N, C-alpha and C. Protein backbone atom coordinates (compact mmCIF):
# COMPACT_ATOMS: atom_id res chain seq x y z
N MET A 1 5.34 15.64 -9.38
CA MET A 1 4.13 14.83 -9.50
C MET A 1 3.54 14.61 -8.11
N SER A 2 2.33 14.98 -7.92
CA SER A 2 1.72 14.85 -6.61
C SER A 2 1.17 13.44 -6.39
N ARG A 3 0.93 13.12 -5.14
CA ARG A 3 0.41 11.80 -4.81
C ARG A 3 -0.97 11.58 -5.41
N LEU A 4 -1.75 12.63 -5.41
CA LEU A 4 -3.10 12.51 -5.95
C LEU A 4 -3.07 12.16 -7.43
N SER A 5 -2.14 12.73 -8.16
CA SER A 5 -2.07 12.42 -9.58
C SER A 5 -1.61 10.98 -9.82
N VAL A 6 -0.74 10.47 -8.94
CA VAL A 6 -0.31 9.08 -9.07
C VAL A 6 -1.49 8.14 -8.87
N PHE A 7 -2.27 8.41 -7.84
CA PHE A 7 -3.44 7.57 -7.57
C PHE A 7 -4.49 7.70 -8.66
N SER A 8 -4.66 8.91 -9.19
CA SER A 8 -5.65 9.07 -10.26
C SER A 8 -5.19 8.37 -11.54
N GLU A 9 -3.89 8.42 -11.84
CA GLU A 9 -3.39 7.69 -13.00
C GLU A 9 -3.53 6.19 -12.81
N LEU A 10 -3.26 5.71 -11.62
CA LEU A 10 -3.42 4.28 -11.34
C LEU A 10 -4.87 3.87 -11.49
N TRP A 11 -5.78 4.68 -10.99
CA TRP A 11 -7.21 4.37 -11.11
C TRP A 11 -7.64 4.37 -12.57
N GLU A 12 -7.17 5.34 -13.34
CA GLU A 12 -7.51 5.39 -14.77
C GLU A 12 -6.98 4.16 -15.50
N PHE A 13 -5.77 3.72 -15.16
CA PHE A 13 -5.22 2.52 -15.77
C PHE A 13 -6.08 1.30 -15.44
N LEU A 14 -6.44 1.16 -14.16
CA LEU A 14 -7.24 0.00 -13.75
C LEU A 14 -8.62 0.03 -14.41
N LYS A 15 -9.19 1.22 -14.52
CA LYS A 15 -10.51 1.35 -15.12
C LYS A 15 -10.47 1.08 -16.62
N TYR A 16 -9.46 1.60 -17.29
CA TYR A 16 -9.35 1.46 -18.74
C TYR A 16 -9.05 0.02 -19.14
N ARG A 17 -8.16 -0.61 -18.41
CA ARG A 17 -7.76 -1.98 -18.72
C ARG A 17 -8.63 -3.04 -18.06
N LYS A 18 -9.58 -2.60 -17.23
CA LYS A 18 -10.49 -3.49 -16.50
C LYS A 18 -9.71 -4.50 -15.66
N LYS A 19 -8.75 -3.99 -14.90
CA LYS A 19 -7.91 -4.81 -14.02
C LYS A 19 -8.31 -4.58 -12.56
N TYR A 20 -9.59 -4.70 -12.26
CA TYR A 20 -10.07 -4.43 -10.91
C TYR A 20 -9.56 -5.45 -9.90
N TRP A 21 -9.12 -6.61 -10.37
CA TRP A 21 -8.61 -7.63 -9.46
C TRP A 21 -7.28 -7.21 -8.84
N LEU A 22 -6.64 -6.18 -9.39
CA LEU A 22 -5.38 -5.69 -8.82
C LEU A 22 -5.59 -4.82 -7.58
N LEU A 23 -6.80 -4.32 -7.38
CA LEU A 23 -7.05 -3.42 -6.25
C LEU A 23 -6.75 -4.05 -4.89
N PRO A 24 -7.19 -5.29 -4.60
CA PRO A 24 -6.84 -5.87 -3.29
C PRO A 24 -5.34 -6.05 -3.09
N ILE A 25 -4.63 -6.38 -4.16
CA ILE A 25 -3.18 -6.56 -4.07
C ILE A 25 -2.51 -5.24 -3.74
N ILE A 26 -2.92 -4.18 -4.42
CA ILE A 26 -2.36 -2.86 -4.17
C ILE A 26 -2.69 -2.40 -2.76
N PHE A 27 -3.91 -2.66 -2.32
CA PHE A 27 -4.33 -2.28 -0.97
C PHE A 27 -3.47 -2.96 0.09
N VAL A 28 -3.23 -4.25 -0.06
CA VAL A 28 -2.42 -5.00 0.92
C VAL A 28 -0.98 -4.50 0.90
N LEU A 29 -0.44 -4.22 -0.27
CA LEU A 29 0.93 -3.70 -0.35
C LEU A 29 1.06 -2.34 0.32
N VAL A 30 0.06 -1.49 0.15
CA VAL A 30 0.08 -0.17 0.80
C VAL A 30 0.00 -0.34 2.31
N LEU A 31 -0.86 -1.24 2.79
CA LEU A 31 -0.97 -1.48 4.22
C LEU A 31 0.33 -2.02 4.82
N LEU A 32 0.97 -2.94 4.13
CA LEU A 32 2.25 -3.46 4.62
C LEU A 32 3.32 -2.37 4.63
N GLY A 33 3.33 -1.53 3.63
CA GLY A 33 4.27 -0.41 3.61
C GLY A 33 4.05 0.55 4.76
N LEU A 34 2.80 0.85 5.04
CA LEU A 34 2.49 1.73 6.18
C LEU A 34 2.88 1.08 7.50
N LEU A 35 2.65 -0.21 7.62
CA LEU A 35 3.04 -0.92 8.83
C LEU A 35 4.54 -0.86 9.06
N ILE A 36 5.31 -1.01 8.00
CA ILE A 36 6.77 -0.94 8.12
C ILE A 36 7.21 0.46 8.51
N VAL A 37 6.61 1.47 7.92
CA VAL A 37 6.99 2.85 8.24
C VAL A 37 6.64 3.20 9.68
N VAL A 38 5.46 2.77 10.14
CA VAL A 38 5.03 3.09 11.51
C VAL A 38 5.88 2.33 12.52
N ALA A 39 6.22 1.09 12.22
CA ALA A 39 6.94 0.25 13.17
C ALA A 39 8.45 0.48 13.15
N GLU A 40 8.93 1.34 12.29
CA GLU A 40 10.36 1.53 12.15
C GLU A 40 11.02 1.99 13.45
N ASN A 41 10.46 2.98 14.09
CA ASN A 41 11.05 3.53 15.31
C ASN A 41 10.05 3.46 16.46
N SER A 42 9.37 2.35 16.55
CA SER A 42 8.31 2.24 17.53
C SER A 42 8.69 1.23 18.61
N VAL A 43 8.01 1.33 19.74
CA VAL A 43 8.19 0.36 20.82
C VAL A 43 7.54 -0.96 20.44
N VAL A 44 6.59 -0.92 19.55
CA VAL A 44 5.83 -2.10 19.14
C VAL A 44 6.60 -2.92 18.10
N ALA A 45 7.70 -2.39 17.59
CA ALA A 45 8.45 -3.03 16.50
C ALA A 45 8.83 -4.49 16.78
N PRO A 46 9.34 -4.84 17.95
CA PRO A 46 9.69 -6.25 18.16
C PRO A 46 8.49 -7.19 18.06
N PHE A 47 7.33 -6.72 18.44
CA PHE A 47 6.13 -7.56 18.36
C PHE A 47 5.64 -7.72 16.92
N ILE A 48 5.80 -6.67 16.13
CA ILE A 48 5.38 -6.75 14.74
C ILE A 48 6.32 -7.65 13.94
N TYR A 49 7.61 -7.59 14.24
CA TYR A 49 8.58 -8.41 13.51
C TYR A 49 8.39 -9.89 13.79
N THR A 50 7.82 -10.23 14.94
CA THR A 50 7.58 -11.65 15.20
C THR A 50 6.43 -12.19 14.35
N LEU A 51 5.59 -11.32 13.81
CA LEU A 51 4.51 -11.77 12.95
C LEU A 51 5.03 -12.29 11.62
N PHE A 52 6.15 -11.77 11.18
CA PHE A 52 6.69 -12.15 9.88
C PHE A 52 7.83 -13.12 10.06
């Protein structure tokens, strides 16, 4: 299953069920996930961990 199909299925679910209010929540979760992945082996990691 490709990433594009996962996103398209998610979009179809949100559109069909009219759950557009979930989009900001999903967006924030994706951003936090990316932040964790980027900061995993980074020099900036100690500064990011102090935010939480």
